[in-house]
Amino acid sequence: MYKLIFEDNFSAAHLILGYKGNCSRLHGHNYKVRVYIKKEKLDSLGMVMDFSKIKEALSSIILSLDHKNLGDIPPFDKIQQTSENIAFYIFNELSKKIDGLYEVRISEKEGRWAGYSKESNE
């Protein structure tokens, strides 16, 4: 199995309703996004996928979140603005544009990651 990992970032504000602690107040993060793609065969150029195509597909999603209050953006106006839900949202949007996507991970702070994976055993 061939795999690619592509990383990008964005900045956004959020809060977690009902949380007991600092995250209950509006605050911001410089999020990192990692996208994991896998395929059994390489294309005619010997690649899983051209990195520029991943960047283009992911950029349109990230631009909708970058330097925004997540609570003002659907679906985060109706669901908790957690890293887990951000990963799920990006996964669903990106899977419409990229074949072979199997995981999206989000980090809001160094060494802390949340994610959503297509396979339940990963």
PDB file of N, CA and C in Angstrom:
ATOM      1  N   MET A   1       0.845  -1.177   0.000  1.00  0.00           N
ATOM      2  CA  MET A   1       0.000   0.000   0.000  1.00  0.00           C
ATOM      3  C   MET A   1       0.892   1.243   0.000  1.00  0.00           C
ATOM      4  N   TYR A   2       0.633   2.148  -0.929  1.00  0.00           N
ATOM      5  CA  TYR A   2       1.361   3.417  -1.001  1.00  0.00           C
ATOM      6  C   TYR A   2       0.591   4.473  -0.216  1.00  0.00           C
ATOM      7  N   LYS A   3       1.331   5.347   0.464  1.00  0.00           N
ATOM      8  CA  LYS A   3       0.687   6.361   1.296  1.00  0.00           C
ATOM      9  C   LYS A   3       1.322   7.724   1.080  1.00  0.00           C
ATOM     10  N   LEU A   4       0.494   8.751   1.218  1.00  0.00           N
ATOM     11  CA  LEU A   4       0.945  10.141   1.220  1.00  0.00           C
ATOM     12  C   LEU A   4       0.427  10.811   2.472  1.00  0.00           C
ATOM     13  N   ILE A   5       1.207  11.736   2.985  1.00  0.00           N
ATOM     14  CA  ILE A   5       0.761  12.593   4.080  1.00  0.00           C
ATOM     15  C   ILE A   5       0.990  14.025   3.628  1.00  0.00           C
ATOM     16  N   PHE A   6      -0.038  14.837   3.733  1.00  0.00           N
ATOM     17  CA  PHE A   6       0.043  16.241   3.346  1.00  0.00           C
ATOM     18  C   PHE A   6      -0.370  17.075   4.552  1.00  0.00           C
ATOM     19  N   GLU A   7       0.409  18.101   4.853  1.00  0.00           N
ATOM     20  CA  GLU A   7       0.120  18.943   6.020  1.00  0.00           C
ATOM     21  C   GLU A   7      -0.083  20.387   5.594  1.00  0.00           C
ATOM     22  N   ASP A   8      -1.059  21.031   6.208  1.00  0.00           N
ATOM     23  CA  ASP A   8      -1.326  22.451   6.003  1.00  0.00           C
ATOM     24  C   ASP A   8      -1.773  23.018   7.343  1.00  0.00           C
ATOM     25  N   ASN A   9      -2.111  24.290   7.376  1.00  0.00           N
ATOM     26  CA  ASN A   9      -2.522  24.899   8.639  1.00  0.00           C
ATOM     27  C   ASN A   9      -3.515  26.021   8.408  1.00  0.00           C
ATOM     28  N   PHE A  10      -4.192  26.381   9.483  1.00  0.00           N
ATOM     29  CA  PHE A  10      -5.099  27.526   9.469  1.00  0.00           C
ATOM     30  C   PHE A  10      -5.251  28.022  10.902  1.00  0.00           C
ATOM     31  N   SER A  11      -5.733  29.240  11.039  1.00  0.00           N
ATOM     32  CA  SER A  11      -5.980  29.836  12.355  1.00  0.00           C
ATOM     33  C   SER A  11      -7.470  30.104  12.480  1.00  0.00           C
ATOM     34  N   ALA A  12      -8.008  29.815  13.660  1.00  0.00           N
ATOM     35  CA  ALA A  12      -9.434  30.048  13.878  1.00  0.00           C
ATOM     36  C   ALA A  12      -9.714  30.177  15.368  1.00  0.00           C
ATOM     37  N   ALA A  13     -10.843  30.805  15.664  1.00  0.00           N
ATOM     38  CA  ALA A  13     -11.319  30.928  17.043  1.00  0.00           C
ATOM     39  C   ALA A  13     -12.441  29.919  17.269  1.00  0.00           C
ATOM     40  N   HIS A  14     -12.549  29.453  18.504  1.00  0.00           N
ATOM     41  CA  HIS A  14     -13.634  28.525  18.847  1.00  0.00           C
ATOM     42  C   HIS A  14     -13.851  28.525  20.349  1.00  0.00           C
ATOM     43  N   LEU A  15     -14.898  27.835  20.755  1.00  0.00           N
ATOM     44  CA  LEU A  15     -15.161  27.559  22.166  1.00  0.00           C
ATOM     45  C   LEU A  15     -15.920  26.247  22.241  1.00  0.00           C
ATOM     46  N   ILE A  16     -15.967  25.683  23.437  1.00  0.00           N
ATOM     47  CA  ILE A  16     -16.699  24.430  23.642  1.00  0.00           C
ATOM     48  C   ILE A  16     -17.788  24.693  24.669  1.00  0.00           C
ATOM     49  N   LEU A  17     -19.019  24.676  24.212  1.00  0.00           N
ATOM     50  CA  LEU A  17     -20.164  24.949  25.082  1.00  0.00           C
ATOM     51  C   LEU A  17     -20.298  23.869  26.151  1.00  0.00           C
ATOM     52  N   GLY A  18     -20.532  24.294  27.394  1.00  0.00           N
ATOM     53  CA  GLY A  18     -20.721  23.361  28.491  1.00  0.00           C
ATOM     54  C   GLY A  18     -19.448  22.822  29.094  1.00  0.00           C
ATOM     55  N   TYR A  19     -18.305  23.171  28.534  1.00  0.00           N
ATOM     56  CA  TYR A  19     -17.016  22.695  29.038  1.00  0.00           C
ATOM     57  C   TYR A  19     -16.665  23.449  30.317  1.00  0.00           C
ATOM     58  N   LYS A  20     -16.126  22.747  31.287  1.00  0.00           N
ATOM     59  CA  LYS A  20     -15.693  23.370  32.543  1.00  0.00           C
ATOM     60  C   LYS A  20     -14.206  23.672  32.442  1.00  0.00           C
ATOM     61  N   GLY A  21     -13.861  24.867  32.053  1.00  0.00           N
ATOM     62  CA  GLY A  21     -12.457  25.237  31.916  1.00  0.00           C
ATOM     63  C   GLY A  21     -12.274  26.316  30.871  1.00  0.00           C
ATOM     64  N   ASN A  22     -11.013  26.563  30.543  1.00  0.00           N
ATOM     65  CA  ASN A  22     -10.665  27.655  29.638  1.00  0.00           C
ATOM     66  C   ASN A  22     -11.305  27.544  28.259  1.00  0.00           C
ATOM     67  N   CYS A  23     -11.513  26.337  27.788  1.00  0.00           N
ATOM     68  CA  CYS A  23     -12.050  26.164  26.434  1.00  0.00           C
ATOM     69  C   CYS A  23     -13.517  26.579  26.313  1.00  0.00           C
ATOM     70  N   SER A  24     -14.151  26.911  27.443  1.00  0.00           N
ATOM     71  CA  SER A  24     -15.534  27.382  27.396  1.00  0.00           C
ATOM     72  C   SER A  24     -15.611  28.834  26.935  1.00  0.00           C
ATOM     73  N   ARG A  25     -14.463  29.520  26.922  1.00  0.00           N
ATOM     74  CA  ARG A  25     -14.412  30.915  26.473  1.00  0.00           C
ATOM     75  C   ARG A  25     -13.821  30.969  25.066  1.00  0.00           C
ATOM     76  N   LEU A  26     -14.259  31.951  24.307  1.00  0.00           N
ATOM     77  CA  LEU A  26     -13.746  32.114  22.948  1.00  0.00           C
ATOM     78  C   LEU A  26     -12.238  32.328  22.980  1.00  0.00           C
ATOM     79  N   HIS A  27     -11.527  31.546  22.200  1.00  0.00           N
ATOM     80  CA  HIS A  27     -10.067  31.629  22.106  1.00  0.00           C
ATOM     81  C   HIS A  27      -9.651  31.091  20.740  1.00  0.00           C
ATOM     82  N   GLY A  28      -8.390  31.229  20.406  1.00  0.00           N
ATOM     83  CA  GLY A  28      -7.944  30.815  19.083  1.00  0.00           C
ATOM     84  C   GLY A  28      -6.815  29.813  19.111  1.00  0.00           C
ATOM     85  N   HIS A  29      -6.643  29.151  17.981  1.00  0.00           N
ATOM     86  CA  HIS A  29      -5.548  28.199  17.787  1.00  0.00           C
ATOM     87  C   HIS A  29      -4.974  28.372  16.391  1.00  0.00           C
ATOM     88  N   ASN A  30      -3.720  27.998  16.264  1.00  0.00           N
ATOM     89  CA  ASN A  30      -3.094  27.817  14.962  1.00  0.00           C
ATOM     90  C   ASN A  30      -3.123  26.316  14.695  1.00  0.00           C
ATOM     91  N   TYR A  31      -4.144  25.884  13.998  1.00  0.00           N
ATOM     92  CA  TYR A  31      -4.375  24.460  13.757  1.00  0.00           C
ATOM     93  C   TYR A  31      -3.441  23.921  12.678  1.00  0.00           C
ATOM     94  N   LYS A  32      -2.996  22.687  12.876  1.00  0.00           N
ATOM     95  CA  LYS A  32      -2.317  21.935  11.826  1.00  0.00           C
ATOM     96  C   LYS A  32      -3.294  20.868  11.342  1.00  0.00           C
ATOM     97  N   VAL A  33      -3.284  20.635  10.050  1.00  0.00           N
ATOM     98  CA  VAL A  33      -4.135  19.617   9.439  1.00  0.00           C
ATOM     99  C   VAL A  33      -3.238  18.636   8.700  1.00  0.00           C
ATOM    100  N   ARG A  34      -3.392  17.361   8.987  1.00  0.00           N
ATOM    101  CA  ARG A  34      -2.683  16.316   8.238  1.00  0.00           C
ATOM    102  C   ARG A  34      -3.710  15.453   7.520  1.00  0.00           C
ATOM    103  N   VAL A  35      -3.455  15.257   6.246  1.00  0.00           N
ATOM    104  CA  VAL A  35      -4.327  14.474   5.385  1.00  0.00           C
ATOM    105  C   VAL A  35      -3.563  13.222   4.967  1.00  0.00           C
ATOM    106  N   TYR A  36      -4.181  12.075   5.130  1.00  0.00           N
ATOM    107  CA  TYR A  36      -3.556  10.787   4.814  1.00  0.00           C
ATOM    108  C   TYR A  36      -4.305  10.146   3.653  1.00  0.00           C
ATOM    109  N   ILE A  37      -3.550   9.794   2.623  1.00  0.00           N
ATOM    110  CA  ILE A  37      -4.117   9.197   1.416  1.00  0.00           C
ATOM    111  C   ILE A  37      -3.363   7.906   1.130  1.00  0.00           C
ATOM    112  N   LYS A  38      -4.101   6.873   0.731  1.00  0.00           N
ATOM    113  CA  LYS A  38      -3.418   5.626   0.374  1.00  0.00           C
ATOM    114  C   LYS A  38      -4.066   5.020  -0.858  1.00  0.00           C
ATOM    115  N   LYS A  39      -3.225   4.353  -1.623  1.00  0.00           N
ATOM    116  CA  LYS A  39      -3.689   3.651  -2.820  1.00  0.00           C
ATOM    117  C   LYS A  39      -2.828   2.413  -3.021  1.00  0.00           C
ATOM    118  N   GLU A  40      -3.429   1.407  -3.609  1.00  0.00           N
ATOM    119  CA  GLU A  40      -2.698   0.167  -3.866  1.00  0.00           C
ATOM    120  C   GLU A  40      -1.791   0.274  -5.074  1.00  0.00           C
ATOM    121  N   LYS A  41      -2.132   1.155  -6.013  1.00  0.00           N
ATOM    122  CA  LYS A  41      -1.334   1.294  -7.234  1.00  0.00           C
ATOM    123  C   LYS A  41      -0.973   2.753  -7.458  1.00  0.00           C
ATOM    124  N   LEU A  42       0.181   2.960  -8.042  1.00  0.00           N
ATOM    125  CA  LEU A  42       0.607   4.300  -8.423  1.00  0.00           C
ATOM    126  C   LEU A  42      -0.001   4.663  -9.773  1.00  0.00           C
ATOM    127  N   ASP A  43      -0.122   5.958 -10.026  1.00  0.00           N
ATOM    128  CA  ASP A  43      -0.640   6.392 -11.324  1.00  0.00           C
ATOM    129  C   ASP A  43       0.436   6.248 -12.404  1.00  0.00           C
ATOM    130  N   SER A  44       0.147   6.690 -13.597  1.00  0.00           N
ATOM    131  CA  SER A  44       1.072   6.526 -14.725  1.00  0.00           C
ATOM    132  C   SER A  44       2.370   7.306 -14.546  1.00  0.00           C
ATOM    133  N   LEU A  45       2.377   8.281 -13.636  1.00  0.00           N
ATOM    134  CA  LEU A  45       3.587   9.057 -13.351  1.00  0.00           C
ATOM    135  C   LEU A  45       4.354   8.514 -12.150  1.00  0.00           C
ATOM    136  N   GLY A  46       3.871   7.413 -11.586  1.00  0.00           N
ATOM    137  CA  GLY A  46       4.546   6.811 -10.443  1.00  0.00           C
ATOM    138  C   GLY A  46       4.219   7.477  -9.123  1.00  0.00           C
ATOM    139  N   MET A  47       3.044   8.116  -9.043  1.00  0.00           N
ATOM    140  CA  MET A  47       2.645   8.824  -7.824  1.00  0.00           C
ATOM    141  C   MET A  47       1.317   8.295  -7.301  1.00  0.00           C
ATOM    142  N   VAL A  48       1.126   8.439  -5.993  1.00  0.00           N
ATOM    143  CA  VAL A  48      -0.196   8.208  -5.411  1.00  0.00           C
ATOM    144  C   VAL A  48      -1.115   9.312  -5.911  1.00  0.00           C
ATOM    145  N   MET A  49      -0.622  10.551  -5.804  1.00  0.00           N
ATOM    146  CA  MET A  49      -1.359  11.726  -6.251  1.00  0.00           C
ATOM    147  C   MET A  49      -0.399  12.901  -6.264  1.00  0.00           C
ATOM    148  N   ASP A  50      -0.606  13.815  -7.160  1.00  0.00           N
ATOM    149  CA  ASP A  50       0.204  15.026  -7.217  1.00  0.00           C
ATOM    150  C   ASP A  50      -0.110  15.880  -5.982  1.00  0.00           C
ATOM    151  N   PHE A  51       0.923  16.284  -5.248  1.00  0.00           N
ATOM    152  CA  PHE A  51       0.721  17.096  -4.043  1.00  0.00           C
ATOM    153  C   PHE A  51      -0.043  18.383  -4.347  1.00  0.00           C
ATOM    154  N   SER A  52       0.143  18.935  -5.536  1.00  0.00           N
ATOM    155  CA  SER A  52      -0.551  20.185  -5.869  1.00  0.00           C
ATOM    156  C   SER A  52      -2.066  19.983  -5.931  1.00  0.00           C
ATOM    157  N   LYS A  53      -2.517  18.789  -6.303  1.00  0.00           N
ATOM    158  CA  LYS A  53      -3.956  18.507  -6.331  1.00  0.00           C
ATOM    159  C   LYS A  53      -4.525  18.401  -4.920  1.00  0.00           C
ATOM    160  N   ILE A  54      -3.732  17.844  -4.016  1.00  0.00           N
ATOM    161  CA  ILE A  54      -4.165  17.771  -2.621  1.00  0.00           C
ATOM    162  C   ILE A  54      -4.252  19.183  -2.053  1.00  0.00           C
ATOM    163  N   LYS A  55      -3.228  19.978  -2.315  1.00  0.00           N
ATOM    164  CA  LYS A  55      -3.206  21.353  -1.812  1.00  0.00           C
ATOM    165  C   LYS A  55      -4.413  22.136  -2.315  1.00  0.00           C
ATOM    166  N   GLU A  56      -4.713  22.010  -3.587  1.00  0.00           N
ATOM    167  CA  GLU A  56      -5.847  22.726  -4.170  1.00  0.00           C
ATOM    168  C   GLU A  56      -7.165  22.312  -3.514  1.00  0.00           C
ATOM    169  N   ALA A  57      -7.364  21.019  -3.342  1.00  0.00           N
ATOM    170  CA  ALA A  57      -8.604  20.513  -2.744  1.00  0.00           C
ATOM    171  C   ALA A  57      -8.726  20.925  -1.284  1.00  0.00           C
ATOM    172  N   LEU A  58      -7.641  20.819  -0.532  1.00  0.00           N
ATOM    173  CA  LEU A  58      -7.671  21.162   0.887  1.00  0.00           C
ATOM    174  C   LEU A  58      -7.767  22.666   1.097  1.00  0.00           C
ATOM    175  N   SER A  59      -7.124  23.440   0.254  1.00  0.00           N
ATOM    176  CA  SER A  59      -7.115  24.901   0.413  1.00  0.00           C
ATOM    177  C   SER A  59      -8.514  25.492   0.386  1.00  0.00           C
ATOM    178  N   SER A  60      -9.369  24.980  -0.474  1.00  0.00           N
ATOM    179  CA  SER A  60     -10.723  25.529  -0.545  1.00  0.00           C
ATOM    180  C   SER A  60     -11.492  25.301   0.758  1.00  0.00           C
ATOM    181  N   ILE A  61     -11.219  24.201   1.426  1.00  0.00           N
ATOM    182  CA  ILE A  61     -11.872  23.908   2.708  1.00  0.00           C
ATOM    183  C   ILE A  61     -11.267  24.767   3.807  1.00  0.00           C
ATOM    184  N   ILE A  62      -9.950  24.827   3.840  1.00  0.00           N
ATOM    185  CA  ILE A  62      -9.261  25.603   4.871  1.00  0.00           C
ATOM    186  C   ILE A  62      -9.601  27.086   4.773  1.00  0.00           C
ATOM    187  N   LEU A  63      -9.706  27.604   3.558  1.00  0.00           N
ATOM    188  CA  LEU A  63     -10.036  29.025   3.391  1.00  0.00           C
ATOM    189  C   LEU A  63     -11.382  29.373   4.015  1.00  0.00           C
ATOM    190  N   SER A  64     -12.300  28.423   4.036  1.00  0.00           N
ATOM    191  CA  SER A  64     -13.611  28.681   4.640  1.00  0.00           C
ATOM    192  C   SER A  64     -13.542  28.745   6.165  1.00  0.00           C
ATOM    193  N   LEU A  65     -12.440  28.251   6.757  1.00  0.00           N
ATOM    194  CA  LEU A  65     -12.268  28.232   8.214  1.00  0.00           C
ATOM    195  C   LEU A  65     -11.243  29.245   8.712  1.00  0.00           C
ATOM    196  N   ASP A  66     -10.300  29.599   7.861  1.00  0.00           N
ATOM    197  CA  ASP A  66      -9.137  30.388   8.275  1.00  0.00           C
ATOM    198  C   ASP A  66      -9.523  31.790   8.747  1.00  0.00           C
ATOM    199  N   HIS A  67      -9.001  32.140   9.922  1.00  0.00           N
ATOM    200  CA  HIS A  67      -9.223  33.444  10.549  1.00  0.00           C
ATOM    201  C   HIS A  67     -10.710  33.753  10.737  1.00  0.00           C
ATOM    202  N   LYS A  68     -11.447  32.719  11.108  1.00  0.00           N
ATOM    203  CA  LYS A  68     -12.879  32.859  11.365  1.00  0.00           C
ATOM    204  C   LYS A  68     -13.190  32.352  12.768  1.00  0.00           C
ATOM    205  N   ASN A  69     -14.362  32.740  13.261  1.00  0.00           N
ATOM    206  CA  ASN A  69     -14.921  32.148  14.470  1.00  0.00           C
ATOM    207  C   ASN A  69     -15.699  30.918  14.005  1.00  0.00           C
ATOM    208  N   LEU A  70     -15.252  29.731  14.390  1.00  0.00           N
ATOM    209  CA  LEU A  70     -15.883  28.504  13.903  1.00  0.00           C
ATOM    210  C   LEU A  70     -17.368  28.444  14.235  1.00  0.00           C
ATOM    211  N   GLY A  71     -17.769  29.066  15.333  1.00  0.00           N
ATOM    212  CA  GLY A  71     -19.173  29.065  15.719  1.00  0.00           C
ATOM    213  C   GLY A  71     -20.083  29.799  14.751  1.00  0.00           C
ATOM    214  N   ASP A  72     -19.498  30.580  13.856  1.00  0.00           N
ATOM    215  CA  ASP A  72     -20.275  31.308  12.846  1.00  0.00           C
ATOM    216  C   ASP A  72     -20.411  30.532  11.538  1.00  0.00           C
ATOM    217  N   ILE A  73     -19.758  29.358  11.458  1.00  0.00           N
ATOM    218  CA  ILE A  73     -19.684  28.608  10.202  1.00  0.00           C
ATOM    219  C   ILE A  73     -20.406  27.267  10.349  1.00  0.00           C
ATOM    220  N   PRO A  74     -21.369  26.974   9.462  1.00  0.00           N
ATOM    221  CA  PRO A  74     -21.959  25.636   9.489  1.00  0.00           C
ATOM    222  C   PRO A  74     -20.895  24.583   9.179  1.00  0.00           C
ATOM    223  N   PRO A  75     -20.900  23.451   9.812  1.00  0.00           N
ATOM    224  CA  PRO A  75     -21.890  22.961  10.763  1.00  0.00           C
ATOM    225  C   PRO A  75     -21.586  23.321  12.218  1.00  0.00           C
ATOM    226  N   PHE A  76     -20.510  24.088  12.437  1.00  0.00           N
ATOM    227  CA  PHE A  76     -20.060  24.352  13.808  1.00  0.00           C
ATOM    228  C   PHE A  76     -20.964  25.314  14.566  1.00  0.00           C
ATOM    229  N   ASP A  77     -21.926  25.907  13.884  1.00  0.00           N
ATOM    230  CA  ASP A  77     -22.929  26.718  14.565  1.00  0.00           C
ATOM    231  C   ASP A  77     -23.965  25.833  15.255  1.00  0.00           C
ATOM    232  N   LYS A  78     -23.932  24.519  14.945  1.00  0.00           N
ATOM    233  CA  LYS A  78     -24.898  23.586  15.536  1.00  0.00           C
ATOM    234  C   LYS A  78     -24.250  22.424  16.287  1.00  0.00           C
ATOM    235  N   ILE A  79     -22.938  22.237  16.124  1.00  0.00           N
ATOM    236  CA  ILE A  79     -22.237  21.155  16.820  1.00  0.00           C
ATOM    237  C   ILE A  79     -21.044  21.729  17.578  1.00  0.00           C
ATOM    238  N   GLN A  80     -20.505  20.948  18.500  1.00  0.00           N
ATOM    239  CA  GLN A  80     -19.339  21.393  19.264  1.00  0.00           C
ATOM    240  C   GLN A  80     -18.152  21.624  18.335  1.00  0.00           C
ATOM    241  N   GLN A  81     -17.390  22.653  18.647  1.00  0.00           N
ATOM    242  CA  GLN A  81     -16.262  23.082  17.817  1.00  0.00           C
ATOM    243  C   GLN A  81     -14.962  22.421  18.281  1.00  0.00           C
ATOM    244  N   THR A  82     -14.997  21.107  18.429  1.00  0.00           N
ATOM    245  CA  THR A  82     -13.837  20.356  18.903  1.00  0.00           C
ATOM    246  C   THR A  82     -12.940  19.954  17.736  1.00  0.00           C
ATOM    247  N   SER A  83     -11.713  19.604  18.055  1.00  0.00           N
ATOM    248  CA  SER A  83     -10.788  19.124  17.021  1.00  0.00           C
ATOM    249  C   SER A  83     -11.329  17.867  16.347  1.00  0.00           C
ATOM    250  N   GLU A  84     -11.983  17.017  17.118  1.00  0.00           N
ATOM    251  CA  GLU A  84     -12.562  15.796  16.553  1.00  0.00           C
ATOM    252  C   GLU A  84     -13.599  16.134  15.481  1.00  0.00           C
ATOM    253  N   ASN A  85     -14.474  17.094  15.787  1.00  0.00           N
ATOM    254  CA  ASN A  85     -15.502  17.479  14.818  1.00  0.00           C
ATOM    255  C   ASN A  85     -14.921  18.236  13.627  1.00  0.00           C
ATOM    256  N   ILE A  86     -13.867  18.998  13.847  1.00  0.00           N
ATOM    257  CA  ILE A  86     -13.196  19.678  12.733  1.00  0.00           C
ATOM    258  C   ILE A  86     -12.584  18.636  11.798  1.00  0.00           C
ATOM    259  N   ALA A  87     -11.937  17.626  12.365  1.00  0.00           N
ATOM    260  CA  ALA A  87     -11.349  16.557  11.552  1.00  0.00           C
ATOM    261  C   ALA A  87     -12.428  15.833  10.750  1.00  0.00           C
ATOM    262  N   PHE A  88     -13.552  15.532  11.391  1.00  0.00           N
ATOM    263  CA  PHE A  88     -14.664  14.858  10.713  1.00  0.00           C
ATOM    264  C   PHE A  88     -15.188  15.714   9.564  1.00  0.00           C
ATOM    265  N   TYR A  89     -15.363  17.008   9.815  1.00  0.00           N
ATOM    266  CA  TYR A  89     -15.848  17.937   8.791  1.00  0.00           C
ATOM    267  C   TYR A  89     -14.892  17.992   7.594  1.00  0.00           C
ATOM    268  N   ILE A  90     -13.606  18.182   7.868  1.00  0.00           N
ATOM    269  CA  ILE A  90     -12.630  18.260   6.778  1.00  0.00           C
ATOM    270  C   ILE A  90     -12.579  16.937   6.017  1.00  0.00           C
ATOM    271  N   PHE A  91     -12.627  15.814   6.738  1.00  0.00           N
ATOM    272  CA  PHE A  91     -12.628  14.505   6.076  1.00  0.00           C
ATOM    273  C   PHE A  91     -13.802  14.395   5.101  1.00  0.00           C
ATOM    274  N   ASN A  92     -14.997  14.724   5.572  1.00  0.00           N
ATOM    275  CA  ASN A  92     -16.184  14.594   4.719  1.00  0.00           C
ATOM    276  C   ASN A  92     -16.116  15.500   3.499  1.00  0.00           C
ATOM    277  N   GLU A  93     -15.677  16.730   3.684  1.00  0.00           N
ATOM    278  CA  GLU A  93     -15.576  17.659   2.559  1.00  0.00           C
ATOM    279  C   GLU A  93     -14.488  17.223   1.577  1.00  0.00           C
ATOM    280  N   LEU A  94     -13.350  16.815   2.107  1.00  0.00           N
ATOM    281  CA  LEU A  94     -12.221  16.447   1.256  1.00  0.00           C
ATOM    282  C   LEU A  94     -12.459  15.127   0.522  1.00  0.00           C
ATOM    283  N   SER A  95     -13.193  14.215   1.151  1.00  0.00           N
ATOM    284  CA  SER A  95     -13.458  12.919   0.503  1.00  0.00           C
ATOM    285  C   SER A  95     -14.312  13.078  -0.753  1.00  0.00           C
ATOM    286  N   LYS A  96     -14.997  14.202  -0.894  1.00  0.00           N
ATOM    287  CA  LYS A  96     -15.760  14.490  -2.110  1.00  0.00           C
ATOM    288  C   LYS A  96     -14.833  14.860  -3.270  1.00  0.00           C
ATOM    289  N   LYS A  97     -13.591  15.225  -2.940  1.00  0.00           N
ATOM    290  CA  LYS A  97     -12.659  15.734  -3.948  1.00  0.00           C
ATOM    291  C   LYS A  97     -11.454  14.836  -4.190  1.00  0.00           C
ATOM    292  N   ILE A  98     -11.150  13.951  -3.238  1.00  0.00           N
ATOM    293  CA  ILE A  98      -9.930  13.146  -3.312  1.00  0.00           C
ATOM    294  C   ILE A  98     -10.251  11.673  -3.099  1.00  0.00           C
ATOM    295  N   ASP A  99      -9.838  10.840  -4.039  1.00  0.00           N
ATOM    296  CA  ASP A  99      -9.953   9.388  -3.883  1.00  0.00           C
ATOM    297  C   ASP A  99      -8.788   8.888  -3.038  1.00  0.00           C
ATOM    298  N   GLY A 100      -9.050   7.903  -2.221  1.00  0.00           N
ATOM    299  CA  GLY A 100      -7.992   7.304  -1.418  1.00  0.00           C
ATOM    300  C   GLY A 100      -7.787   7.961  -0.066  1.00  0.00           C
ATOM    301  N   LEU A 101      -8.566   8.994   0.238  1.00  0.00           N
ATOM    302  CA  LEU A 101      -8.459   9.642   1.547  1.00  0.00           C
ATOM    303  C   LEU A 101      -8.887   8.651   2.612  1.00  0.00           C
ATOM    304  N   TYR A 102      -8.043   8.468   3.638  1.00  0.00           N
ATOM    305  CA  TYR A 102      -8.453   7.546   4.693  1.00  0.00           C
ATOM    306  C   TYR A 102      -8.358   8.132   6.085  1.00  0.00           C
ATOM    307  N   GLU A 103      -7.723   9.300   6.238  1.00  0.00           N
ATOM    308  CA  GLU A 103      -7.664   9.889   7.576  1.00  0.00           C
ATOM    309  C   GLU A 103      -7.350  11.372   7.486  1.00  0.00           C
ATOM    310  N   VAL A 104      -7.916  12.121   8.441  1.00  0.00           N
ATOM    311  CA  VAL A 104      -7.582  13.531   8.645  1.00  0.00           C
ATOM    312  C   VAL A 104      -7.304  13.705  10.125  1.00  0.00           C
ATOM    313  N   ARG A 105      -6.199  14.374  10.431  1.00  0.00           N
ATOM    314  CA  ARG A 105      -5.845  14.676  11.818  1.00  0.00           C
ATOM    315  C   ARG A 105      -5.719  16.183  11.994  1.00  0.00           C
ATOM    316  N   ILE A 106      -6.091  16.636  13.188  1.00  0.00           N
ATOM    317  CA  ILE A 106      -6.044  18.055  13.536  1.00  0.00           C
ATOM    318  C   ILE A 106      -5.255  18.211  14.824  1.00  0.00           C
ATOM    319  N   SER A 107      -4.372  19.206  14.848  1.00  0.00           N
ATOM    320  CA  SER A 107      -3.648  19.553  16.068  1.00  0.00           C
ATOM    321  C   SER A 107      -3.908  21.016  16.387  1.00  0.00           C
ATOM    322  N   GLU A 108      -4.314  21.267  17.622  1.00  0.00           N
ATOM    323  CA  GLU A 108      -4.482  22.653  18.052  1.00  0.00           C
ATOM    324  C   GLU A 108      -3.320  23.112  18.926  1.00  0.00           C
ATOM    325  N   LYS A 109      -2.487  22.157  19.317  1.00  0.00           N
ATOM    326  CA  LYS A 109      -1.319  22.463  20.136  1.00  0.00           C
ATOM    327  C   LYS A 109      -0.275  21.372  19.904  1.00  0.00           C
ATOM    328  N   GLU A 110       0.978  21.737  19.943  1.00  0.00           N
ATOM    329  CA  GLU A 110       2.077  20.798  19.688  1.00  0.00           C
ATOM    330  C   GLU A 110       1.912  19.510  20.499  1.00  0.00           C
ATOM    331  N   GLY A 111       1.976  18.380  19.810  1.00  0.00           N
ATOM    332  CA  GLY A 111       1.922  17.083  20.475  1.00  0.00           C
ATOM    333  C   GLY A 111       0.537  16.563  20.785  1.00  0.00           C
ATOM    334  N   ARG A 112      -0.505  17.290  20.374  1.00  0.00           N
ATOM    335  CA  ARG A 112      -1.882  16.865  20.652  1.00  0.00           C
ATOM    336  C   ARG A 112      -2.646  16.795  19.340  1.00  0.00           C
ATOM    337  N   TRP A 113      -3.136  15.611  19.021  1.00  0.00           N
ATOM    338  CA  TRP A 113      -3.819  15.385  17.753  1.00  0.00           C
ATOM    339  C   TRP A 113      -5.156  14.693  17.982  1.00  0.00           C
ATOM    340  N   ALA A 114      -6.136  15.056  17.175  1.00  0.00           N
ATOM    341  CA  ALA A 114      -7.413  14.355  17.105  1.00  0.00           C
ATOM    342  C   ALA A 114      -7.643  14.046  15.636  1.00  0.00           C
ATOM    343  N   GLY A 115      -8.443  13.036  15.358  1.00  0.00           N
ATOM    344  CA  GLY A 115      -8.634  12.713  13.953  1.00  0.00           C
ATOM    345  C   GLY A 115      -9.892  11.941  13.673  1.00  0.00           C
ATOM    346  N   TYR A 116     -10.120  11.782  12.384  1.00  0.00           N
ATOM    347  CA  TYR A 116     -11.200  10.939  11.905  1.00  0.00           C
ATOM    348  C   TYR A 116     -10.637  10.059  10.798  1.00  0.00           C
ATOM    349  N   SER A 117     -10.949   8.772  10.872  1.00  0.00           N
ATOM    350  CA  SER A 117     -10.430   7.798   9.925  1.00  0.00           C
ATOM    351  C   SER A 117     -11.572   7.043   9.268  1.00  0.00           C
ATOM    352  N   LYS A 118     -11.391   6.723   8.012  1.00  0.00           N
ATOM    353  CA  LYS A 118     -12.378   5.936   7.271  1.00  0.00           C
ATOM    354  C   LYS A 118     -12.532   4.548   7.873  1.00  0.00           C
ATOM    355  N   GLU A 119     -11.425   3.925   8.236  1.00  0.00           N
ATOM    356  CA  GLU A 119     -11.460   2.596   8.835  1.00  0.00           C
ATOM    357  C   GLU A 119     -11.615   2.715  10.344  1.00  0.00           C
ATOM    358  N   SER A 120     -12.493   1.927  10.898  1.00  0.00           N
ATOM    359  CA  SER A 120     -12.726   1.991  12.335  1.00  0.00           C
ATOM    360  C   SER A 120     -11.619   1.335  13.146  1.00  0.00           C
ATOM    361  N   ASN A 121     -10.749   0.556  12.503  1.00  0.00           N
ATOM    362  CA  ASN A 121      -9.703  -0.145  13.253  1.00  0.00           C
ATOM    363  C   ASN A 121      -8.374   0.599  13.256  1.00  0.00           C
ATOM    364  N   GLU A 122      -8.331   1.856  12.824  1.00  0.00           N
ATOM    365  CA  GLU A 122      -7.067   2.612  12.817  1.00  0.00           C
ATOM    366  C   GLU A 122      -7.078   3.675  13.881  1.00  0.00           C
TER     367      GLU A 122
END
